[in-house]
Each structure stands twice: as C-alpha cells, then as structure tokens.
Protein backbone atom coordinates (compact mmCIF):
# COMPACT_ATOMS: atom_id res chain seq x y z
CA UNK A 1 -6.23 -8.65 -10.90
CA UNK A 2 -5.47 -5.55 -8.64
CA UNK A 3 -3.62 -6.05 -5.80
CA UNK A 4 -2.92 -2.93 -3.07
CA UNK A 5 -0.62 -3.32 -0.71
CA UNK A 6 -1.51 -1.24 2.44
CA UNK A 7 -0.42 -0.59 5.85
CA UNK A 8 1.24 2.71 7.66
CA UNK A 9 4.19 4.61 6.95
CA UNK A 10 6.94 2.23 7.16
CA UNK A 11 5.64 -0.93 6.99
CA UNK A 12 7.39 -2.01 3.32
CA UNK A 13 4.47 -1.21 1.12
CA UNK A 14 6.55 -0.40 -1.73
CA UNK A 15 9.11 -2.91 -0.92
CA UNK A 16 6.94 -5.79 -0.75
CA UNK A 17 4.65 -4.18 -3.52
CA UNK A 18 8.13 -4.31 -6.45
CA UNK A 19 9.05 -7.60 -5.23
CA UNK A 20 5.04 -8.79 -5.88
CA UNK A 21 5.04 -7.23 -9.45
CA UNK A 22 8.45 -8.80 -10.09
CA UNK A 23 7.21 -12.01 -9.48
CA UNK A 24 3.95 -11.58 -10.42
CA UNK A 25 4.88 -9.84 -14.18
CA UNK A 26 3.09 -6.76 -13.81
CA UNK A 27 2.89 -2.99 -13.82
CA UNK A 28 3.69 -1.79 -10.03
CA UNK A 29 2.25 1.39 -8.93
CA UNK A 30 3.51 3.80 -5.86
CA UNK A 31 0.25 5.64 -4.56
CA UNK A 32 3.26 8.18 -3.00
CA UNK A 33 4.45 9.19 -6.80
CA UNK A 34 0.46 10.30 -7.29
CA UNK A 35 0.32 12.72 -4.36
CA UNK A 36 -0.09 16.49 -5.58
CA UNK A 37 2.53 18.91 -4.00
CA UNK A 38 -0.16 20.07 -1.72
CA UNK A 39 0.15 17.16 -0.03
CA UNK A 40 3.73 16.12 -0.15
CA UNK A 41 4.27 19.93 1.29
CA UNK A 42 1.78 18.75 4.37
CA UNK A 43 3.53 15.87 5.23
CA UNK A 44 7.08 16.73 5.11
CA UNK A 45 6.39 19.40 7.02
CA UNK A 46 4.92 16.99 9.73
CA UNK A 47 0.98 17.98 9.42
CA UNK A 48 -1.36 14.59 9.09
CA UNK A 49 -3.38 14.45 5.57
CA UNK A 50 -7.33 15.12 6.38
CA UNK A 51 -9.99 13.08 4.51
CA UNK A 52 -10.32 16.41 2.28
CA UNK A 53 -6.35 16.26 1.00
CA UNK A 54 -7.17 12.17 -0.08
CA UNK A 55 -10.12 12.17 -2.09
CA UNK A 56 -8.91 13.99 -5.04
CA UNK A 57 -5.22 12.03 -4.72
CA UNK A 58 -8.06 8.52 -4.28
CA UNK A 59 -10.08 9.56 -6.82
CA UNK A 60 -6.93 9.95 -9.62
CA UNK A 61 -5.50 6.26 -8.06
CA UNK A 62 -9.26 4.70 -8.97
CA UNK A 63 -8.70 6.28 -12.30
CA UNK A 64 -5.54 4.52 -13.11
CA UNK A 65 -6.15 1.42 -11.31
CA UNK A 66 -9.13 0.91 -13.60
CA UNK A 67 -7.22 1.63 -16.72
CA UNK A 68 -4.64 -0.53 -15.76
CA UNK A 69 -7.58 -2.96 -15.55
CA UNK A 70 -8.72 -3.10 -18.71
CA UNK A 71 -5.12 -2.60 -20.19
CA UNK A 72 -3.17 -5.19 -18.23
CA UNK A 73 -3.92 -8.73 -16.75
CA UNK A 74 -2.08 -7.68 -13.31
CA UNK A 75 -1.20 -4.67 -11.36
CA UNK A 76 0.14 -4.14 -7.70
CA UNK A 77 -0.40 -0.70 -5.81
CA UNK A 78 1.38 0.16 -2.72
CA UNK A 79 -0.80 2.90 -0.67
CA UNK A 80 -1.73 3.37 2.52
CA UNK A 81 -5.62 2.80 2.28
CA UNK A 82 -5.69 3.44 6.05
CA UNK A 83 -9.43 3.44 6.19
CA UNK A 84 -12.05 1.26 4.69
CA UNK A 85 -13.58 4.18 2.60
CA UNK A 86 -10.54 4.93 1.06
CA UNK A 87 -9.97 1.11 0.42
CA UNK A 88 -13.62 1.03 -0.98
CA UNK A 89 -13.13 4.25 -3.09
CA UNK A 90 -9.76 2.49 -4.99
CA UNK A 91 -11.46 -0.24 -5.48
CA UNK A 92 -14.70 1.02 -7.05
CA UNK A 93 -15.35 -0.35 -9.99
CA UNK A 94 -12.74 -2.95 -10.19
CA UNK A 95 -14.15 -7.02 -10.25
CA UNK A 96 -10.98 -8.40 -8.84
CA UNK A 97 -9.35 -6.25 -6.01
CA UNK A 98 -6.96 -8.00 -3.46
CA UNK A 99 -5.84 -6.43 -0.50
CA UNK A 100 -2.79 -7.30 1.73
CA UNK A 101 -2.31 -5.50 4.85
CA UNK A 102 0.82 -5.40 6.25
CA UNK A 103 0.78 -5.01 10.28
CA UNK A 104 3.43 -4.18 12.52
CA UNK A 105 3.43 -2.54 15.72
CA UNK A 106 4.83 1.43 16.37
CA UNK A 107 7.12 0.79 17.71
CA UNK A 108 8.71 -1.48 14.79
CA UNK A 109 7.91 0.73 12.29
CA UNK A 110 9.32 3.75 14.35
CA UNK A 111 12.45 2.55 14.10
CA UNK A 112 12.19 1.61 10.39
CA UNK A 113 11.49 5.05 9.92
CA UNK A 114 14.10 6.57 11.82
CA UNK A 115 16.60 4.61 9.42
CA UNK A 116 15.14 5.99 5.84
CA UNK A 117 16.38 8.76 4.14
CA UNK A 118 15.10 11.29 1.33
CA UNK A 119 11.74 10.82 2.03
CA UNK A 120 8.73 13.19 3.01
CA UNK A 121 6.90 11.41 5.52
CA UNK A 122 8.28 12.19 8.35
CA UNK A 123 8.51 9.20 11.94
CA UNK A 124 6.53 12.16 13.78
CA UNK A 125 3.29 11.44 11.58
CA UNK A 126 3.38 7.59 12.37
CA UNK A 127 0.87 8.41 15.30
CA UNK A 128 -1.36 10.13 13.32
CA UNK A 129 -1.27 7.02 10.79
CA UNK A 130 -1.68 4.48 13.46
CA UNK A 131 -4.76 6.60 14.92
CA UNK A 132 -6.45 6.79 11.19
CA UNK A 133 -5.83 3.01 10.63
CA UNK A 134 -8.83 0.60 9.97
CA UNK A 135 -7.31 -3.01 10.01
CA UNK A 136 -9.30 -4.16 6.99
CA UNK A 137 -11.91 -7.41 7.78
CA UNK A 138 -10.79 -9.20 4.60
CA UNK A 139 -6.98 -9.27 3.67
CA UNK A 140 -3.61 -11.60 3.65
CA UNK A 141 -2.38 -9.82 6.50
CA UNK A 142 1.43 -10.37 6.97
CA UNK A 143 3.52 -9.68 9.72
CA UNK A 144 5.80 -6.70 8.55
CA UNK A 145 8.67 -8.78 11.04
CA UNK A 146 8.87 -11.19 8.23
CA UNK A 147 11.42 -11.00 5.00
CA UNK A 148 9.77 -9.65 2.41
CA UNK A 149 10.53 -12.67 0.09
CA UNK A 150 8.58 -14.97 2.37
CA UNK A 151 5.93 -12.40 2.18
CA UNK A 152 5.90 -12.51 -1.47
CA UNK A 153 5.51 -16.29 -1.47
CA UNK A 154 2.75 -16.04 0.99
CA UNK A 155 0.51 -13.48 -0.95
CA UNK A 156 1.53 -15.42 -4.20
CA UNK A 157 0.34 -18.80 -2.44
CA UNK A 158 -3.16 -16.76 -1.25
CA UNK A 159 -3.83 -15.89 -4.51
CA UNK A 160 -3.64 -18.69 -6.00
CA UNK A 161 -0.43 -17.81 -8.43
CA UNK A 162 1.28 -20.34 -10.35
CA UNK A 163 4.21 -17.92 -9.59
CA UNK A 164 4.56 -19.04 -6.22
CA UNK A 165 7.09 -21.75 -5.71
CA UNK A 166 6.37 -25.12 -4.90
CA UNK A 167 8.25 -27.16 -2.10
C-alpha cells in the first residue's frame, strides 16, 4: 500500500507522514526532497511552479513509488499533489494507493508558514497553492487543527491497520 499524504504547504504533510510511517514501520518519502534545483530556486524566489515544472518531478516520484510497491509492503509519501491529474500520475501503475488529504483554511496555514524556518517555500506562494488545489473526491480527509497523533490514529483506523490503537 502506498499512502500519499497531500495538501498545500504548511498543512503538516511531512510531520504526519513521518509519524504514520513510523507507526506502520515503513519507508517515508518526502516529495520535496526530490524537486530539481530549478524548481527549488523558483519557489525560493516566490515564483509558483507551473505544470511543466511539475511533470518531470511527478514522473520521478511515480517511478520511486512503483519501485517501493515492488520492494516493500507499505510506503508513505508526503506530497502536495494539488490537482487530480498530479495524483493520478503519482498513483499510476500502483494497485493500492490511498490518499490522505490535510484540509485547513488559508488563515491557519499562513500562520503556520510564518513560524516555519529554513524552508524554500515562502508563505507568499500559499495563495497560488489554494488556487491550484482540487480537493480529492475520495480521500481520508483530516482537519489540520487536529493533533498529528490524532490524525495518525484516524488514518490507521480508516485503512484498517492493526497498528491503530483500540479503545
């Protein structure tokens, strides 16, 4: 199973993805670590990425996920995956790909981004991410206001994982 934790910048994808992977005992991949230098430079300069910037990156991530699907039982990927076409490309050729959508308001996420340090994605790009966002029709949808631990429990219960805590 591949679990894609998606949402706009500042929604907590990396935090939740790392916690979820730890609970599942599986590999965690942060899509941000795989951006080419040109994409990172654009974002750091406050320039939103275009589809042409994203397609090679998504292609690379899909290849990585397909390899993971063959080699390991589970993998968690943190990736913005803002559009349905991006999610379809990420999950292409993967039998069991689940989406976890971290949903929050622009006010909540702007405040989070203002506190974040040492990241190339400036808060100024948040509006462009919300403009591009196509909320998924089928996903485990979580409120970013919930604690990461509670979100992990919700995901584990939704995917039927034995790692979910039972009352």
